[in-house]
Amino acid sequence: MNGTERKNITAGRTVDIVLKADQRSGKLTRGVVKDILTNSPTHPHGIKVRLQDGQVGRVKVVISSGE
């Protein structure tokens, strides 16, 4: 699932994010959402979230429960 729509992302959901430092390489980091930091319903580069381990980045992929 795409990470550009806020409605697809909830606390406790597993996601792949791109950290600020990894934006050039596009390296993805997987984690569980703790907080949603973007207030708007959509964002073209992905909704910004804080993971449970404290890392902050933009969601590129929302992992469905089957993956």
PDB file of N, CA and C in Angstrom:
ATOM      1  N   MET A   1       0.842  -1.179   0.000  1.00  0.00           N
ATOM      2  CA  MET A   1       0.000   0.000   0.000  1.00  0.00           C
ATOM      3  C   MET A   1       0.891   1.247   0.000  1.00  0.00           C
ATOM      4  N   ASN A   2       0.420   2.251  -0.657  1.00  0.00           N
ATOM      5  CA  ASN A   2       1.161   3.500  -0.796  1.00  0.00           C
ATOM      6  C   ASN A   2       1.136   4.302   0.507  1.00  0.00           C
ATOM      7  N   GLY A   3       2.228   5.007   0.808  1.00  0.00           N
ATOM      8  CA  GLY A   3       2.336   5.768   2.047  1.00  0.00           C
ATOM      9  C   GLY A   3       2.033   7.247   1.921  1.00  0.00           C
ATOM     10  N   THR A   4       1.388   7.663   0.815  1.00  0.00           N
ATOM     11  CA  THR A   4       1.115   9.092   0.617  1.00  0.00           C
ATOM     12  C   THR A   4      -0.226   9.532   1.208  1.00  0.00           C
ATOM     13  N   GLU A   5      -1.062   8.590   1.643  1.00  0.00           N
ATOM     14  CA  GLU A   5      -2.369   8.932   2.210  1.00  0.00           C
ATOM     15  C   GLU A   5      -2.400   8.605   3.689  1.00  0.00           C
ATOM     16  N   ARG A   6      -2.761   9.608   4.492  1.00  0.00           N
ATOM     17  CA  ARG A   6      -2.757   9.481   5.951  1.00  0.00           C
ATOM     18  C   ARG A   6      -3.745   8.415   6.438  1.00  0.00           C
ATOM     19  N   LYS A   7      -4.852   8.234   5.706  1.00  0.00           N
ATOM     20  CA  LYS A   7      -5.885   7.279   6.139  1.00  0.00           C
ATOM     21  C   LYS A   7      -5.379   5.831   6.144  1.00  0.00           C
ATOM     22  N   ASN A   8      -4.304   5.542   5.385  1.00  0.00           N
ATOM     23  CA  ASN A   8      -3.752   4.187   5.317  1.00  0.00           C
ATOM     24  C   ASN A   8      -2.825   3.861   6.479  1.00  0.00           C
ATOM     25  N   ILE A   9      -2.477   4.871   7.289  1.00  0.00           N
ATOM     26  CA  ILE A   9      -1.447   4.706   8.312  1.00  0.00           C
ATOM     27  C   ILE A   9      -2.063   4.910   9.690  1.00  0.00           C
ATOM     28  N   THR A  10      -1.837   3.951  10.578  1.00  0.00           N
ATOM     29  CA  THR A  10      -2.308   4.063  11.954  1.00  0.00           C
ATOM     30  C   THR A  10      -1.189   3.639  12.890  1.00  0.00           C
ATOM     31  N   ALA A  11      -1.262   4.094  14.137  1.00  0.00           N
ATOM     32  CA  ALA A  11      -0.281   3.684  15.137  1.00  0.00           C
ATOM     33  C   ALA A  11      -0.338   2.170  15.287  1.00  0.00           C
ATOM     34  N   GLY A  12       0.829   1.543  15.377  1.00  0.00           N
ATOM     35  CA  GLY A  12       0.905   0.092  15.486  1.00  0.00           C
ATOM     36  C   GLY A  12       1.052  -0.626  14.163  1.00  0.00           C
ATOM     37  N   ARG A  13       0.956   0.100  13.063  1.00  0.00           N
ATOM     38  CA  ARG A  13       1.072  -0.482  11.723  1.00  0.00           C
ATOM     39  C   ARG A  13       2.541  -0.624  11.335  1.00  0.00           C
ATOM     40  N   THR A  14       2.910  -1.687  10.660  1.00  0.00           N
ATOM     41  CA  THR A  14       4.273  -1.878  10.164  1.00  0.00           C
ATOM     42  C   THR A  14       4.413  -1.176   8.822  1.00  0.00           C
ATOM     43  N   VAL A  15       5.496  -0.375   8.691  1.00  0.00           N
ATOM     44  CA  VAL A  15       5.716   0.415   7.480  1.00  0.00           C
ATOM     45  C   VAL A  15       7.193   0.392   7.101  1.00  0.00           C
ATOM     46  N   ASP A  16       7.464   0.726   5.846  1.00  0.00           N
ATOM     47  CA  ASP A  16       8.825   0.989   5.380  1.00  0.00           C
ATOM     48  C   ASP A  16       8.935   2.489   5.168  1.00  0.00           C
ATOM     49  N   ILE A  17       9.943   3.111   5.808  1.00  0.00           N
ATOM     50  CA  ILE A  17      10.132   4.550   5.684  1.00  0.00           C
ATOM     51  C   ILE A  17      11.501   4.851   5.091  1.00  0.00           C
ATOM     52  N   VAL A  18      11.638   6.072   4.569  1.00  0.00           N
ATOM     53  CA  VAL A  18      12.930   6.591   4.144  1.00  0.00           C
ATOM     54  C   VAL A  18      13.330   7.651   5.161  1.00  0.00           C
ATOM     55  N   LEU A  19      14.469   7.434   5.831  1.00  0.00           N
ATOM     56  CA  LEU A  19      14.989   8.410   6.775  1.00  0.00           C
ATOM     57  C   LEU A  19      15.560   9.595   6.010  1.00  0.00           C
ATOM     58  N   LYS A  20      15.643  10.756   6.653  1.00  0.00           N
ATOM     59  CA  LYS A  20      16.184  11.962   6.021  1.00  0.00           C
ATOM     60  C   LYS A  20      17.581  11.694   5.444  1.00  0.00           C
ATOM     61  N   ALA A  21      18.418  11.011   6.206  1.00  0.00           N
ATOM     62  CA  ALA A  21      19.788  10.733   5.770  1.00  0.00           C
ATOM     63  C   ALA A  21      19.844   9.776   4.571  1.00  0.00           C
ATOM     64  N   ASP A  22      18.766   9.008   4.364  1.00  0.00           N
ATOM     65  CA  ASP A  22      18.741   8.004   3.286  1.00  0.00           C
ATOM     66  C   ASP A  22      17.940   8.452   2.067  1.00  0.00           C
ATOM     67  N   GLN A  23      17.552   9.734   2.015  1.00  0.00           N
ATOM     68  CA  GLN A  23      16.706  10.186   0.910  1.00  0.00           C
ATOM     69  C   GLN A  23      17.391  10.044  -0.443  1.00  0.00           C
ATOM     70  N   ARG A  24      18.695  10.309  -0.515  1.00  0.00           N
ATOM     71  CA  ARG A  24      19.399  10.193  -1.803  1.00  0.00           C
ATOM     72  C   ARG A  24      19.475   8.745  -2.274  1.00  0.00           C
ATOM     73  N   SER A  25      19.786   7.834  -1.358  1.00  0.00           N
ATOM     74  CA  SER A  25      19.932   6.425  -1.734  1.00  0.00           C
ATOM     75  C   SER A  25      18.580   5.721  -1.844  1.00  0.00           C
ATOM     76  N   GLY A  26      17.583   6.215  -1.110  1.00  0.00           N
ATOM     77  CA  GLY A  26      16.271   5.575  -1.126  1.00  0.00           C
ATOM     78  C   GLY A  26      16.197   4.339  -0.256  1.00  0.00           C
ATOM     79  N   LYS A  27      17.181   4.146   0.635  1.00  0.00           N
ATOM     80  CA  LYS A  27      17.211   2.975   1.517  1.00  0.00           C
ATOM     81  C   LYS A  27      16.000   2.986   2.447  1.00  0.00           C
ATOM     82  N   LEU A  28      15.306   1.854   2.531  1.00  0.00           N
ATOM     83  CA  LEU A  28      14.110   1.750   3.356  1.00  0.00           C
ATOM     84  C   LEU A  28      14.441   1.170   4.724  1.00  0.00           C
ATOM     85  N   THR A  29      13.732   1.666   5.728  1.00  0.00           N
ATOM     86  CA  THR A  29      13.866   1.176   7.093  1.00  0.00           C
ATOM     87  C   THR A  29      12.489   0.705   7.535  1.00  0.00           C
ATOM     88  N   ARG A  30      12.405  -0.533   8.049  1.00  0.00           N
ATOM     89  CA  ARG A  30      11.116  -1.080   8.465  1.00  0.00           C
ATOM     90  C   ARG A  30      10.931  -0.886   9.964  1.00  0.00           C
ATOM     91  N   GLY A  31       9.711  -0.542  10.346  1.00  0.00           N
ATOM     92  CA  GLY A  31       9.415  -0.378  11.759  1.00  0.00           C
ATOM     93  C   GLY A  31       7.920  -0.250  11.987  1.00  0.00           C
ATOM     94  N   VAL A  32       7.576  -0.062  13.260  1.00  0.00           N
ATOM     95  CA  VAL A  32       6.177   0.056  13.664  1.00  0.00           C
ATOM     96  C   VAL A  32       5.892   1.504  14.016  1.00  0.00           C
ATOM     97  N   VAL A  33       4.789   2.051  13.491  1.00  0.00           N
ATOM     98  CA  VAL A  33       4.429   3.452  13.691  1.00  0.00           C
ATOM     99  C   VAL A  33       4.051   3.710  15.143  1.00  0.00           C
ATOM    100  N   LYS A  34       4.662   4.756  15.714  1.00  0.00           N
ATOM    101  CA  LYS A  34       4.292   5.222  17.050  1.00  0.00           C
ATOM    102  C   LYS A  34       3.421   6.467  16.938  1.00  0.00           C
ATOM    103  N   ASP A  35       3.882   7.465  16.147  1.00  0.00           N
ATOM    104  CA  ASP A  35       3.156   8.729  15.977  1.00  0.00           C
ATOM    105  C   ASP A  35       3.112   9.099  14.505  1.00  0.00           C
ATOM    106  N   ILE A  36       2.005   9.734  14.089  1.00  0.00           N
ATOM    107  CA  ILE A  36       1.900  10.298  12.750  1.00  0.00           C
ATOM    108  C   ILE A  36       2.171  11.795  12.881  1.00  0.00           C
ATOM    109  N   LEU A  37       3.175  12.289  12.150  1.00  0.00           N
ATOM    110  CA  LEU A  37       3.608  13.673  12.300  1.00  0.00           C
ATOM    111  C   LEU A  37       3.033  14.614  11.244  1.00  0.00           C
ATOM    112  N   THR A  38       2.561  14.082  10.123  1.00  0.00           N
ATOM    113  CA  THR A  38       1.958  14.909   9.073  1.00  0.00           C
ATOM    114  C   THR A  38       0.481  15.099   9.376  1.00  0.00           C
ATOM    115  N   ASN A  39       0.032  16.358   9.356  1.00  0.00           N
ATOM    116  CA  ASN A  39      -1.373  16.649   9.650  1.00  0.00           C
ATOM    117  C   ASN A  39      -2.273  16.588   8.423  1.00  0.00           C
ATOM    118  N   SER A  40      -1.721  16.868   7.231  1.00  0.00           N
ATOM    119  CA  SER A  40      -2.553  16.903   6.028  1.00  0.00           C
ATOM    120  C   SER A  40      -2.963  15.483   5.623  1.00  0.00           C
ATOM    121  N   PRO A  41      -4.094  15.333   4.908  1.00  0.00           N
ATOM    122  CA  PRO A  41      -4.571  13.999   4.528  1.00  0.00           C
ATOM    123  C   PRO A  41      -3.672  13.279   3.526  1.00  0.00           C
ATOM    124  N   THR A  42      -2.900  14.035   2.719  1.00  0.00           N
ATOM    125  CA  THR A  42      -1.970  13.412   1.769  1.00  0.00           C
ATOM    126  C   THR A  42      -0.682  14.227   1.737  1.00  0.00           C
ATOM    127  N   HIS A  43       0.387  13.579   1.282  1.00  0.00           N
ATOM    128  CA  HIS A  43       1.659  14.273   1.051  1.00  0.00           C
ATOM    129  C   HIS A  43       2.354  13.558  -0.103  1.00  0.00           C
ATOM    130  N   PRO A  44       2.827  14.295  -1.114  1.00  0.00           N
ATOM    131  CA  PRO A  44       3.387  13.646  -2.311  1.00  0.00           C
ATOM    132  C   PRO A  44       4.635  12.809  -2.042  1.00  0.00           C
ATOM    133  N   HIS A  45       5.393  13.111  -0.982  1.00  0.00           N
ATOM    134  CA  HIS A  45       6.616  12.351  -0.688  1.00  0.00           C
ATOM    135  C   HIS A  45       6.405  11.309   0.392  1.00  0.00           C
ATOM    136  N   GLY A  46       5.199  11.193   0.902  1.00  0.00           N
ATOM    137  CA  GLY A  46       4.899  10.228   1.950  1.00  0.00           C
ATOM    138  C   GLY A  46       4.578  10.919   3.264  1.00  0.00           C
ATOM    139  N   ILE A  47       3.745  10.280   4.057  1.00  0.00           N
ATOM    140  CA  ILE A  47       3.353  10.810   5.362  1.00  0.00           C
ATOM    141  C   ILE A  47       4.522  10.631   6.333  1.00  0.00           C
ATOM    142  N   LYS A  48       4.849  11.689   7.069  1.00  0.00           N
ATOM    143  CA  LYS A  48       5.967  11.621   8.018  1.00  0.00           C
ATOM    144  C   LYS A  48       5.486  10.979   9.319  1.00  0.00           C
ATOM    145  N   VAL A  49       6.255   9.987   9.802  1.00  0.00           N
ATOM    146  CA  VAL A  49       5.905   9.269  11.029  1.00  0.00           C
ATOM    147  C   VAL A  49       7.124   9.106  11.927  1.00  0.00           C
ATOM    148  N   ARG A  50       6.858   8.838  13.196  1.00  0.00           N
ATOM    149  CA  ARG A  50       7.902   8.442  14.148  1.00  0.00           C
ATOM    150  C   ARG A  50       7.671   6.978  14.463  1.00  0.00           C
ATOM    151  N   LEU A  51       8.728   6.172  14.332  1.00  0.00           N
ATOM    152  CA  LEU A  51       8.632   4.753  14.646  1.00  0.00           C
ATOM    153  C   LEU A  51       8.774   4.544  16.151  1.00  0.00           C
ATOM    154  N   GLN A  52       8.458   3.338  16.611  1.00  0.00           N
ATOM    155  CA  GLN A  52       8.548   3.034  18.039  1.00  0.00           C
ATOM    156  C   GLN A  52       9.973   3.143  18.560  1.00  0.00           C
ATOM    157  N   ASP A  53      10.976   2.972  17.687  1.00  0.00           N
ATOM    158  CA  ASP A  53      12.369   3.102  18.125  1.00  0.00           C
ATOM    159  C   ASP A  53      12.878   4.542  18.051  1.00  0.00           C
ATOM    160  N   GLY A  54      11.989   5.492  17.679  1.00  0.00           N
ATOM    161  CA  GLY A  54      12.336   6.909  17.681  1.00  0.00           C
ATOM    162  C   GLY A  54      12.773   7.479  16.345  1.00  0.00           C
ATOM    163  N   GLN A  55      12.978   6.643  15.342  1.00  0.00           N
ATOM    164  CA  GLN A  55      13.398   7.133  14.031  1.00  0.00           C
ATOM    165  C   GLN A  55      12.226   7.835  13.338  1.00  0.00           C
ATOM    166  N   VAL A  56      12.555   8.907  12.588  1.00  0.00           N
ATOM    167  CA  VAL A  56      11.534   9.688  11.886  1.00  0.00           C
ATOM    168  C   VAL A  56      11.824   9.654  10.396  1.00  0.00           C
ATOM    169  N   GLY A  57      10.778   9.427   9.605  1.00  0.00           N
ATOM    170  CA  GLY A  57      10.938   9.425   8.157  1.00  0.00           C
ATOM    171  C   GLY A  57       9.589   9.423   7.471  1.00  0.00           C
ATOM    172  N   ARG A  58       9.635   9.398   6.146  1.00  0.00           N
ATOM    173  CA  ARG A  58       8.411   9.409   5.352  1.00  0.00           C
ATOM    174  C   ARG A  58       8.067   8.002   4.877  1.00  0.00           C
ATOM    175  N   VAL A  59       6.799   7.649   5.022  1.00  0.00           N
ATOM    176  CA  VAL A  59       6.331   6.306   4.672  1.00  0.00           C
ATOM    177  C   VAL A  59       6.337   6.132   3.159  1.00  0.00           C
ATOM    178  N   LYS A  60       6.981   5.078   2.705  1.00  0.00           N
ATOM    179  CA  LYS A  60       6.976   4.726   1.283  1.00  0.00           C
ATOM    180  C   LYS A  60       6.040   3.534   1.046  1.00  0.00           C
ATOM    181  N   VAL A  61       6.005   2.587   1.986  1.00  0.00           N
ATOM    182  CA  VAL A  61       5.174   1.391   1.827  1.00  0.00           C
ATOM    183  C   VAL A  61       4.523   1.064   3.159  1.00  0.00           C
ATOM    184  N   VAL A  62       3.206   0.822   3.116  1.00  0.00           N
ATOM    185  CA  VAL A  62       2.495   0.318   4.289  1.00  0.00           C
ATOM    186  C   VAL A  62       2.406  -1.196   4.118  1.00  0.00           C
ATOM    187  N   ILE A  63       2.929  -1.921   5.093  1.00  0.00           N
ATOM    188  CA  ILE A  63       2.974  -3.380   4.999  1.00  0.00           C
ATOM    189  C   ILE A  63       1.624  -3.949   5.436  1.00  0.00           C
ATOM    190  N   SER A  64       1.017  -4.760   4.561  1.00  0.00           N
ATOM    191  CA  SER A  64      -0.250  -5.392   4.930  1.00  0.00           C
ATOM    192  C   SER A  64       0.036  -6.539   5.887  1.00  0.00           C
ATOM    193  N   SER A  65      -0.964  -6.983   6.591  1.00  0.00           N
ATOM    194  CA  SER A  65      -0.783  -8.014   7.623  1.00  0.00           C
ATOM    195  C   SER A  65      -0.273  -9.340   7.041  1.00  0.00           C
ATOM    196  N   GLY A  66      -0.459  -9.570   5.744  1.00  0.00           N
ATOM    197  CA  GLY A  66      -0.028 -10.815   5.126  1.00  0.00           C
ATOM    198  C   GLY A  66       1.432 -10.857   4.713  1.00  0.00           C
ATOM    199  N   GLU A  67       2.132  -9.716   4.723  1.00  0.00           N
ATOM    200  CA  GLU A  67       3.521  -9.681   4.230  1.00  0.00           C
ATOM    201  C   GLU A  67       4.514  -9.945   5.328  1.00  0.00           C
TER     202      GLU A  67
END
